Amino acid sequence: MTTSVWRQQPYGRKTVNNILSGLRVIESSAFVAVPMAGMTLSQMGAEVIRFDRLEGGLDARRMPYSPSGSSLFWSGMNKGKKSIAVDMKNPEGKDLITNLITAPGNDAGLFLTNLKVKGWLDYETLSELRSDIIIVTLKGDRQGRPQVDYTVNPALGIPEITGHEGSTEPVANAIPAWDMIAGNMCVSSLLAAERYRLRHGVGQDVEIALKDVAAAAIGHLGMIADSTLNTDDRSKAGNALYGAYGKDFLCADGNRVMIIGLTSRQWSGILKATDTTEQFKNLENEKNINLKDEDIRWKWRHEITAILEPWFKTRVVEDFARDFDNTGLTWSVFRSVKEALEFDPDLSEDNPLFKKIKQPNAGEFLVPRHPANFSKVDKTEAKRAPALGENTEEILGDILHLSDIEISNLFDKGVVASPTYNKNS
């Protein structure tokens, strides 16, 4: 049984390592959720090693591209990881991967994947070689069929409530929300299983389905109960904040702003900042309603908008931005990502989250570290992604303990690859 030794950290002193330093995770992945899970673990200090085919995996050339044509998706999803490129059709290559996943060590034997291969990279096979192995697998749906955000969303009805009010066209979301949630569920599940292994000395086979993640989420949000118990389906509401008040407004300078009146404090702030308190009192008296209630603000949102809209139409953002901030309003200007990079200091090196890093073959751009700040360990540093196979020699030597001659033979036979390997060195 593996024994965990806990030592109290002296008060007020930080360790020199990141929160997951010493943990080693092997990753075989594609798309968004699992690469994001591995990247998250890496950004918290774990050593995350992804293995790919010699020519690169499914994500090696995915959009968006840099001006030079390299994949910015790859560089975004693989920050801080190590990369080994292996011919997985070759029996020697398969053995290398097997040995890498099942390598000894109390902080190793952790495998993260959405590309499970039965008879090789599955729990039944790998647990024969390492009994305490932990495998976290993301599937499409619970039957094992492939799914992505763009298929899960329509299956569960989300595009039918997204889009302009009155529109009958379904609208998919450009942000893969379920993938990102599923990725973080893979992280929490792997760490939970690893904690169980520390206490009980046994491994686990953990499976998560992307569609189940989405289905659970709409259940948590009350959407399943709503559709079960009430007659009407929830309708499209454009940019309106569902269940309270929030709306976008076009200003005199052509800018569009979003204001939020979810809480009583936010609502009273809007009235104060726009000097419309009396107008809303009149509306309340006329309709015999109380706009302090969230659901009343939702039901009467069109009437609220009719009062506020003329106020914004006659003003430019500069007229009210400082006052909105001083009043403590929850609001924002609509921007493109390029505009946000130019105007929002939170999307710059003024924010400790970001650091400008040069990604080889792509260019220099802002790279985020993990957003969490832990009080007892140093914050992580933003890191670039590796080139395909960049760490092949290091992994073969330091983890699999192969000799220089054995490593050279594998390169010469084309079993492994690295962009820096020199046969004559």
Protein backbone atom coordinates (compact mmCIF):
# COMPACT_ATOMS: atom_id res chain seq x y z
CA MET A 1 0.00 0.00 0.00
CA THR A 2 1.23 3.49 -0.81
CA THR A 3 1.65 5.66 2.28
CA SER A 4 1.06 9.39 2.22
CA VAL A 5 3.16 11.55 4.55
CA TRP A 6 1.72 14.99 5.32
CA ARG A 7 3.94 17.75 6.68
CA GLN A 8 2.57 21.05 7.83
CA GLN A 9 3.88 24.02 5.87
CA PRO A 10 5.33 26.71 8.16
CA TYR A 11 2.92 29.62 8.43
CA GLY A 12 3.52 32.39 5.91
CA ARG A 13 6.22 30.54 3.95
CA LYS A 14 5.88 29.40 0.36
CA THR A 15 7.44 26.32 -1.19
CA VAL A 16 9.52 26.73 -4.31
CA ASN A 17 7.41 24.31 -6.36
CA ASN A 18 4.02 24.52 -8.01
CA ILE A 19 1.05 22.82 -6.38
CA LEU A 20 1.30 19.57 -8.41
CA SER A 21 5.09 19.36 -8.73
CA GLY A 22 6.26 15.75 -8.88
CA LEU A 23 3.09 14.37 -10.44
CA ARG A 24 3.52 12.74 -13.86
CA VAL A 25 0.57 12.37 -16.24
CA ILE A 26 0.68 10.72 -19.66
CA GLU A 27 -1.77 12.08 -22.22
CA SER A 28 -3.17 10.74 -25.48
CA SER A 29 -5.72 13.21 -26.78
CA ALA A 30 -7.40 15.23 -29.48
CA PHE A 31 -9.96 18.03 -29.76
CA VAL A 32 -10.55 20.30 -26.72
CA ALA A 33 -11.51 18.65 -23.42
CA VAL A 34 -8.63 16.24 -22.75
CA PRO A 35 -5.87 18.48 -24.16
CA MET A 36 -7.25 21.23 -21.90
CA ALA A 37 -7.24 18.84 -18.94
CA GLY A 38 -3.60 17.95 -19.51
CA MET A 39 -2.68 21.60 -20.00
CA THR A 40 -4.44 22.54 -16.74
CA LEU A 41 -2.52 19.89 -14.82
CA SER A 42 0.72 21.06 -16.44
CA GLN A 43 0.00 24.66 -15.48
CA MET A 44 -0.36 23.58 -11.85
CA GLY A 45 3.09 21.98 -11.95
CA ALA A 46 2.51 18.39 -13.05
CA GLU A 47 4.82 16.85 -15.64
CA VAL A 48 2.45 16.14 -18.51
CA ILE A 49 3.73 14.10 -21.43
CA ARG A 50 1.62 13.72 -24.54
CA PHE A 51 2.48 11.13 -27.16
CA ASP A 52 1.58 11.47 -30.82
CA ARG A 53 2.13 9.79 -34.14
CA LEU A 54 5.31 10.69 -36.03
CA GLU A 55 3.31 12.89 -38.39
CA GLY A 56 1.36 14.46 -35.53
CA GLY A 57 -2.06 13.73 -34.11
CA LEU A 58 -5.46 15.05 -35.06
CA ASP A 59 -4.73 18.48 -33.56
CA ALA A 60 -1.27 19.06 -34.99
CA ARG A 61 -2.54 21.24 -37.83
CA ARG A 62 -5.88 22.50 -36.49
CA MET A 63 -7.06 26.10 -37.02
CA PRO A 64 -6.48 28.88 -36.18
CA TYR A 65 -3.12 29.24 -37.93
CA SER A 66 -0.23 31.63 -37.43
CA PRO A 67 0.89 33.66 -40.50
CA SER A 68 3.54 30.98 -41.03
CA GLY A 69 0.88 28.25 -41.09
CA SER A 70 1.54 26.56 -37.75
CA SER A 71 -1.40 25.56 -35.56
CA LEU A 72 -2.23 28.09 -32.84
CA PHE A 73 -4.70 25.53 -31.49
CA TRP A 74 -1.78 23.17 -30.81
CA SER A 75 0.27 25.88 -29.13
CA GLY A 76 -2.75 26.95 -27.06
CA MET A 77 -3.76 23.52 -25.81
CA ASN A 78 -0.31 22.09 -25.09
CA LYS A 79 1.36 24.82 -23.05
CA GLY A 80 3.96 23.48 -20.66
CA LYS A 81 3.66 19.85 -21.76
CA LYS A 82 6.37 17.55 -23.04
CA SER A 83 6.02 15.82 -26.40
CA ILE A 84 7.21 12.47 -27.70
CA ALA A 85 6.59 11.36 -31.29
CA VAL A 86 6.32 7.58 -31.80
CA ASP A 87 5.41 5.21 -34.62
CA MET A 88 2.52 3.49 -32.88
CA LYS A 89 2.09 0.95 -35.66
CA ASN A 90 5.53 -0.40 -34.83
CA PRO A 91 5.59 -3.02 -32.01
CA GLU A 92 8.64 -1.32 -30.49
CA GLY A 93 6.79 2.00 -30.52
CA LYS A 94 3.78 0.45 -28.82
CA ASP A 95 6.03 -1.03 -26.15
CA LEU A 96 7.60 2.38 -25.53
CA ILE A 97 4.18 3.92 -24.93
CA THR A 98 3.09 1.05 -22.69
CA ASN A 99 6.26 1.36 -20.62
CA LEU A 100 5.85 5.12 -20.38
CA ILE A 101 2.30 4.88 -19.04
CA THR A 102 3.12 2.10 -16.57
CA ALA A 103 6.51 3.47 -15.45
CA PRO A 104 7.11 3.01 -11.71
CA GLY A 105 6.83 5.77 -9.13
CA ASN A 106 4.30 6.83 -6.52
CA ASP A 107 3.49 9.96 -8.50
CA ALA A 108 3.30 8.23 -11.90
CA GLY A 109 0.90 5.70 -13.44
CA LEU A 110 -1.65 8.36 -14.42
CA PHE A 111 -3.12 8.23 -17.93
CA LEU A 112 -5.48 10.78 -19.45
CA THR A 113 -7.13 10.05 -22.80
CA ASN A 114 -10.07 10.28 -25.15
CA LEU A 115 -8.39 7.89 -27.60
CA LYS A 116 -8.65 4.59 -25.73
CA VAL A 117 -7.42 1.57 -27.69
CA LYS A 118 -8.88 -1.76 -26.54
CA GLY A 119 -6.33 -4.51 -26.06
CA TRP A 120 -3.52 -1.98 -25.64
CA LEU A 121 -4.34 1.37 -24.03
CA ASP A 122 -7.24 0.25 -21.86
CA TYR A 123 -7.51 -0.39 -18.13
CA GLU A 124 -7.78 -4.16 -18.44
CA THR A 125 -4.48 -4.39 -20.33
CA LEU A 126 -2.46 -1.69 -18.55
CA SER A 127 -3.53 -2.71 -15.03
CA GLU A 128 -1.92 -6.10 -15.64
CA LEU A 129 1.38 -4.24 -15.88
CA ARG A 130 0.72 -1.74 -13.10
CA SER A 131 -2.05 -2.69 -10.68
CA ASP A 132 -2.47 0.81 -9.23
CA ILE A 133 -2.76 2.60 -12.57
CA ILE A 134 -5.32 5.38 -12.89
CA ILE A 135 -6.92 5.97 -16.28
CA VAL A 136 -9.32 8.82 -16.93
CA THR A 137 -11.13 8.46 -20.24
CA LEU A 138 -13.48 10.96 -21.86
CA LYS A 139 -16.06 9.40 -24.17
CA GLY A 140 -18.54 11.06 -26.50
CA ASP A 141 -21.72 9.68 -24.97
CA ARG A 142 -22.39 6.91 -22.47
CA GLN A 143 -22.69 4.33 -25.27
CA GLY A 144 -19.21 5.28 -26.49
CA ARG A 145 -20.35 7.03 -29.66
CA PRO A 146 -18.36 10.07 -30.80
CA GLN A 147 -19.67 13.50 -29.77
CA VAL A 148 -18.37 17.07 -29.81
CA ASP A 149 -19.85 20.33 -28.51
CA TYR A 150 -21.44 21.03 -31.88
CA THR A 151 -23.42 17.77 -31.71
CA VAL A 152 -24.15 17.71 -27.97
CA ASN A 153 -25.59 21.24 -27.99
CA PRO A 154 -28.33 20.61 -30.59
CA ALA A 155 -29.13 17.18 -29.12
CA LEU A 156 -29.94 18.79 -25.76
CA GLY A 157 -31.80 21.84 -27.09
CA ILE A 158 -29.33 24.65 -26.38
CA PRO A 159 -29.37 26.25 -29.90
CA GLU A 160 -33.16 26.59 -29.62
CA ILE A 161 -32.80 29.08 -26.75
CA THR A 162 -29.81 30.93 -28.24
CA GLY A 163 -30.11 33.84 -30.65
CA HIS A 164 -32.23 36.90 -31.29
CA GLU A 165 -35.64 37.12 -29.67
CA GLY A 166 -38.31 36.02 -32.13
CA SER A 167 -35.85 34.18 -34.37
CA THR A 168 -36.68 30.60 -35.36
CA GLU A 169 -33.16 29.67 -36.46
CA PRO A 170 -31.03 27.57 -34.09
CA VAL A 171 -27.73 29.16 -33.04
CA ALA A 172 -24.70 27.14 -31.93
CA ASN A 173 -22.15 28.66 -29.55
CA ALA A 174 -18.65 29.46 -30.76
CA ILE A 175 -17.20 28.65 -27.32
CA PRO A 176 -17.06 24.87 -26.64
CA ALA A 177 -18.49 25.17 -23.14
CA TRP A 178 -19.16 21.46 -22.53
CA ASP A 179 -15.66 20.55 -23.69
CA MET A 180 -14.12 23.02 -21.27
CA ILE A 181 -16.29 21.85 -18.37
CA ALA A 182 -15.54 18.22 -19.25
CA GLY A 183 -11.81 18.98 -19.34
CA ASN A 184 -11.89 20.34 -15.83
CA MET A 185 -14.00 17.36 -14.72
CA CYS A 186 -11.23 15.13 -16.07
CA VAL A 187 -8.75 17.08 -13.93
CA SER A 188 -10.82 16.84 -10.75
CA SER A 189 -11.59 13.16 -11.36
CA LEU A 190 -7.94 12.28 -11.91
CA LEU A 191 -6.88 14.13 -8.75
CA ALA A 192 -9.71 12.50 -6.76
CA ALA A 193 -8.64 9.05 -7.96
CA GLU A 194 -5.02 9.86 -7.17
CA ARG A 195 -5.99 10.91 -3.64
CA TYR A 196 -7.89 7.63 -3.24
CA ARG A 197 -4.79 5.75 -4.40
CA LEU A 198 -2.64 7.57 -1.83
CA ARG A 199 -5.02 6.46 0.93
CA HIS A 200 -5.85 2.93 -0.25
CA GLY A 201 -3.09 1.91 -2.65
CA VAL A 202 -5.36 1.00 -5.57
CA GLY A 203 -5.87 2.42 -9.03
CA GLN A 204 -9.08 3.13 -10.91
CA ASP A 205 -10.66 3.23 -14.34
CA VAL A 206 -12.59 6.50 -14.59
CA GLU A 207 -14.93 7.21 -17.49
CA ILE A 208 -16.71 10.50 -18.26
CA ALA A 209 -19.04 11.15 -21.20
CA LEU A 210 -19.11 14.59 -22.79
CA LYS A 211 -22.86 14.40 -23.37
CA ASP A 212 -23.41 13.40 -19.73
CA VAL A 213 -21.43 16.46 -18.64
CA ALA A 214 -23.78 18.68 -20.65
CA ALA A 215 -26.89 16.78 -19.57
CA ALA A 216 -25.90 17.07 -15.93
CA ALA A 217 -25.24 20.80 -16.34
CA ILE A 218 -28.69 21.58 -17.74
CA GLY A 219 -30.13 19.51 -14.90
CA HIS A 220 -28.16 21.53 -12.33
CA LEU A 221 -29.40 24.77 -13.92
CA GLY A 222 -33.04 23.73 -13.50
CA MET A 223 -33.62 23.48 -17.25
CA ILE A 224 -34.74 19.84 -17.21
CA ALA A 225 -37.18 20.49 -14.38
CA ASP A 226 -38.47 23.59 -16.17
CA SER A 227 -39.21 21.67 -19.36
CA THR A 228 -40.78 18.80 -17.40
CA LEU A 229 -43.08 20.77 -15.12
CA ASN A 230 -44.04 23.77 -17.26
CA THR A 231 -46.01 23.90 -20.50
CA ASP A 232 -43.91 26.21 -22.64
CA ASP A 233 -40.35 25.78 -23.82
CA ARG A 234 -37.91 28.49 -22.84
CA SER A 235 -37.66 30.93 -25.74
CA LYS A 236 -34.82 32.91 -27.29
CA ALA A 237 -34.05 36.18 -25.55
CA GLY A 238 -31.13 37.63 -27.51
CA ASN A 239 -28.59 39.23 -25.18
CA ALA A 240 -31.11 39.62 -22.36
CA LEU A 241 -30.04 38.11 -19.04
CA TYR A 242 -32.44 35.24 -18.39
CA GLY A 243 -34.43 35.47 -15.17
CA ALA A 244 -33.59 39.06 -14.18
CA TYR A 245 -32.56 42.14 -16.14
CA GLY A 246 -29.58 42.54 -18.38
CA LYS A 247 -29.53 44.12 -21.82
CA ASP A 248 -27.29 45.51 -24.54
CA PHE A 249 -27.68 49.09 -25.71
CA LEU A 250 -26.40 50.96 -28.75
CA CYS A 251 -24.78 54.29 -27.88
CA ALA A 252 -24.48 57.52 -29.89
CA ASP A 253 -20.86 56.73 -30.84
CA GLY A 254 -21.78 53.37 -32.35
CA ASN A 255 -20.44 51.40 -29.39
CA ARG A 256 -22.65 48.78 -27.78
CA VAL A 257 -22.66 48.22 -24.02
CA MET A 258 -24.06 45.52 -21.76
CA ILE A 259 -25.50 46.38 -18.36
CA ILE A 260 -26.57 43.89 -15.70
CA GLY A 261 -29.34 44.25 -13.15
CA LEU A 262 -29.30 40.80 -11.61
CA THR A 263 -29.14 41.75 -7.92
CA SER A 264 -31.01 44.51 -6.10
CA ARG A 265 -27.76 46.44 -5.73
CA GLN A 266 -27.03 46.18 -9.45
CA TRP A 267 -30.58 47.25 -10.29
CA SER A 268 -30.55 50.28 -8.00
CA GLY A 269 -27.16 51.23 -9.44
CA ILE A 270 -28.60 51.33 -12.96
CA LEU A 271 -31.41 53.62 -11.83
CA LYS A 272 -29.00 55.96 -10.05
CA ALA A 273 -26.45 56.10 -12.87
CA THR A 274 -29.08 56.74 -15.57
CA ASP A 275 -31.20 59.08 -13.40
CA THR A 276 -34.34 57.06 -14.18
CA THR A 277 -35.58 56.37 -10.65
CA GLU A 278 -38.75 58.43 -11.07
CA GLN A 279 -39.59 56.86 -14.44
CA PHE A 280 -39.38 53.38 -12.95
CA LYS A 281 -41.46 54.39 -9.94
CA ASN A 282 -44.12 55.51 -12.39
CA LEU A 283 -43.90 52.18 -14.22
CA GLU A 284 -44.27 50.28 -10.93
CA ASN A 285 -47.29 52.34 -9.92
CA GLU A 286 -48.93 52.07 -13.32
CA LYS A 287 -48.49 48.28 -13.60
CA ASN A 288 -48.75 47.53 -9.87
CA ILE A 289 -45.41 45.70 -9.88
CA ASN A 290 -42.23 45.69 -7.78
CA LEU A 291 -39.09 45.84 -9.91
CA LYS A 292 -36.95 44.90 -6.91
CA ASP A 293 -37.92 41.29 -7.70
CA GLU A 294 -35.68 39.54 -10.27
CA ASP A 295 -38.49 37.66 -11.95
CA ILE A 296 -40.56 40.84 -12.30
CA ARG A 297 -37.65 42.57 -14.02
CA TRP A 298 -37.47 39.61 -16.40
CA LYS A 299 -41.20 39.68 -17.19
CA TRP A 300 -41.19 43.43 -17.75
CA ARG A 301 -37.83 43.61 -19.49
CA HIS A 302 -39.21 45.17 -22.67
CA GLU A 303 -40.80 48.03 -20.74
CA ILE A 304 -37.55 48.54 -18.81
CA THR A 305 -35.59 48.64 -22.04
CA ALA A 306 -37.99 51.19 -23.52
CA ILE A 307 -37.15 53.55 -20.65
CA LEU A 308 -33.38 53.01 -20.75
CA GLU A 309 -32.84 52.89 -24.51
CA PRO A 310 -33.25 56.65 -25.20
CA TRP A 311 -30.74 57.42 -22.44
CA PHE A 312 -28.00 55.40 -24.16
CA LYS A 313 -28.90 56.57 -27.68
CA THR A 314 -28.04 60.16 -26.80
CA ARG A 315 -24.71 59.43 -25.08
CA VAL A 316 -21.27 58.19 -26.04
CA VAL A 317 -19.46 55.73 -23.79
CA GLU A 318 -17.08 58.40 -22.51
CA ASP A 319 -20.06 60.33 -21.13
CA PHE A 320 -20.91 57.68 -18.57
CA ALA A 321 -18.03 55.18 -18.27
CA ARG A 322 -16.39 56.82 -15.24
CA ASP A 323 -19.73 57.33 -13.49
CA PHE A 324 -20.74 53.69 -14.14
CA ASP A 325 -17.47 52.52 -12.59
CA ASN A 326 -17.77 54.87 -9.61
CA THR A 327 -21.35 53.69 -9.04
CA GLY A 328 -20.13 50.08 -9.07
CA LEU A 329 -22.25 49.01 -12.03
CA THR A 330 -21.74 45.63 -13.66
CA TRP A 331 -21.29 46.60 -17.28
CA SER A 332 -19.05 46.20 -20.30
CA VAL A 333 -18.40 47.48 -23.81
CA PHE A 334 -18.81 44.98 -26.66
CA ARG A 335 -15.47 44.40 -28.38
CA SER A 336 -13.80 42.10 -30.83
CA VAL A 337 -10.81 40.14 -29.53
CA LYS A 338 -8.48 42.50 -31.43
CA GLU A 339 -10.16 45.48 -29.78
CA ALA A 340 -9.92 43.81 -26.36
CA LEU A 341 -6.18 43.31 -26.91
CA GLU A 342 -5.86 47.00 -27.67
CA PHE A 343 -8.06 48.49 -24.95
CA ASP A 344 -8.50 46.03 -22.07
CA PRO A 345 -5.57 45.99 -19.58
CA ASP A 346 -6.75 42.58 -18.33
CA LEU A 347 -5.70 41.24 -21.72
CA SER A 348 -2.15 42.53 -21.47
CA GLU A 349 1.04 42.03 -19.49
CA ASP A 350 -0.38 44.46 -16.91
CA ASN A 351 -2.29 41.38 -15.79
CA PRO A 352 0.08 38.90 -14.02
CA LEU A 353 -1.90 36.12 -15.71
CA PHE A 354 -0.17 36.86 -19.00
CA LYS A 355 3.36 36.86 -20.36
CA LYS A 356 4.51 37.46 -23.91
CA ILE A 357 6.24 34.34 -25.16
CA LYS A 358 7.70 33.46 -28.54
CA GLN A 359 6.23 30.23 -29.85
CA PRO A 360 8.68 28.67 -32.35
CA ASN A 361 7.41 28.67 -35.94
CA ALA A 362 4.44 30.83 -34.94
CA GLY A 363 5.40 34.15 -33.37
CA GLU A 364 5.19 36.10 -30.13
CA PHE A 365 1.89 36.54 -28.31
CA LEU A 366 0.34 36.65 -24.84
CA VAL A 367 0.30 33.28 -23.09
CA PRO A 368 -1.74 32.73 -19.89
CA ARG A 369 -0.62 30.75 -16.85
CA HIS A 370 -3.08 28.97 -14.57
CA PRO A 371 -5.51 31.58 -13.15
CA ALA A 372 -5.38 30.28 -9.56
CA ASN A 373 -3.04 31.83 -6.98
CA PHE A 374 -2.17 29.44 -4.15
CA SER A 375 -1.04 31.07 -0.91
CA LYS A 376 1.51 28.38 0.07
CA VAL A 377 3.23 27.72 -3.26
CA ASP A 378 4.75 29.89 -5.94
CA LYS A 379 2.48 30.91 -8.77
CA THR A 380 3.04 29.10 -12.03
CA GLU A 381 4.79 30.76 -14.93
CA ALA A 382 3.31 30.87 -18.41
CA LYS A 383 5.08 28.44 -20.75
CA ARG A 384 5.06 27.77 -24.45
CA ALA A 385 3.94 24.54 -26.09
CA PRO A 386 6.50 22.02 -27.31
CA ALA A 387 7.14 21.22 -30.93
CA LEU A 388 5.97 17.77 -31.96
CA GLY A 389 8.46 15.26 -30.51
CA GLU A 390 10.59 17.97 -28.92
CA ASN A 391 11.19 15.97 -25.73
CA THR A 392 11.55 12.52 -27.27
CA GLU A 393 15.21 12.01 -26.32
CA GLU A 394 14.71 13.35 -22.79
CA ILE A 395 11.74 11.06 -22.15
CA LEU A 396 13.47 7.97 -23.51
CA GLY A 397 16.55 8.62 -21.41
CA ASP A 398 15.26 10.11 -18.17
CA ILE A 399 12.00 8.18 -17.74
CA LEU A 400 12.46 4.94 -19.67
CA HIS A 401 16.19 4.85 -18.84
CA LEU A 402 17.31 3.80 -22.32
CA SER A 403 20.99 4.10 -23.18
CA ASP A 404 22.29 6.51 -25.81
CA ILE A 405 22.85 3.57 -28.17
CA GLU A 406 19.30 2.28 -27.67
CA ILE A 407 17.91 5.76 -28.28
CA SER A 408 19.99 6.19 -31.44
CA ASN A 409 18.78 2.85 -32.76
CA LEU A 410 15.14 3.86 -32.25
CA PHE A 411 15.70 7.11 -34.17
CA ASP A 412 17.63 5.33 -36.94
CA LYS A 413 14.82 2.79 -37.37
CA GLY A 414 12.18 5.53 -37.49
CA VAL A 415 10.40 4.29 -34.38
CA VAL A 416 10.60 7.75 -32.76
CA ALA A 417 11.23 11.27 -34.02
CA SER A 418 12.36 14.66 -32.75
CA PRO A 419 12.87 17.97 -34.55
CA THR A 420 16.28 18.37 -32.88
CA TYR A 421 17.74 14.86 -33.14
CA ASN A 422 21.01 14.67 -35.02
CA LYS A 423 22.15 11.22 -36.07
CA ASN A 424 25.78 12.39 -36.12
CA SER A 425 25.75 13.86 -32.59
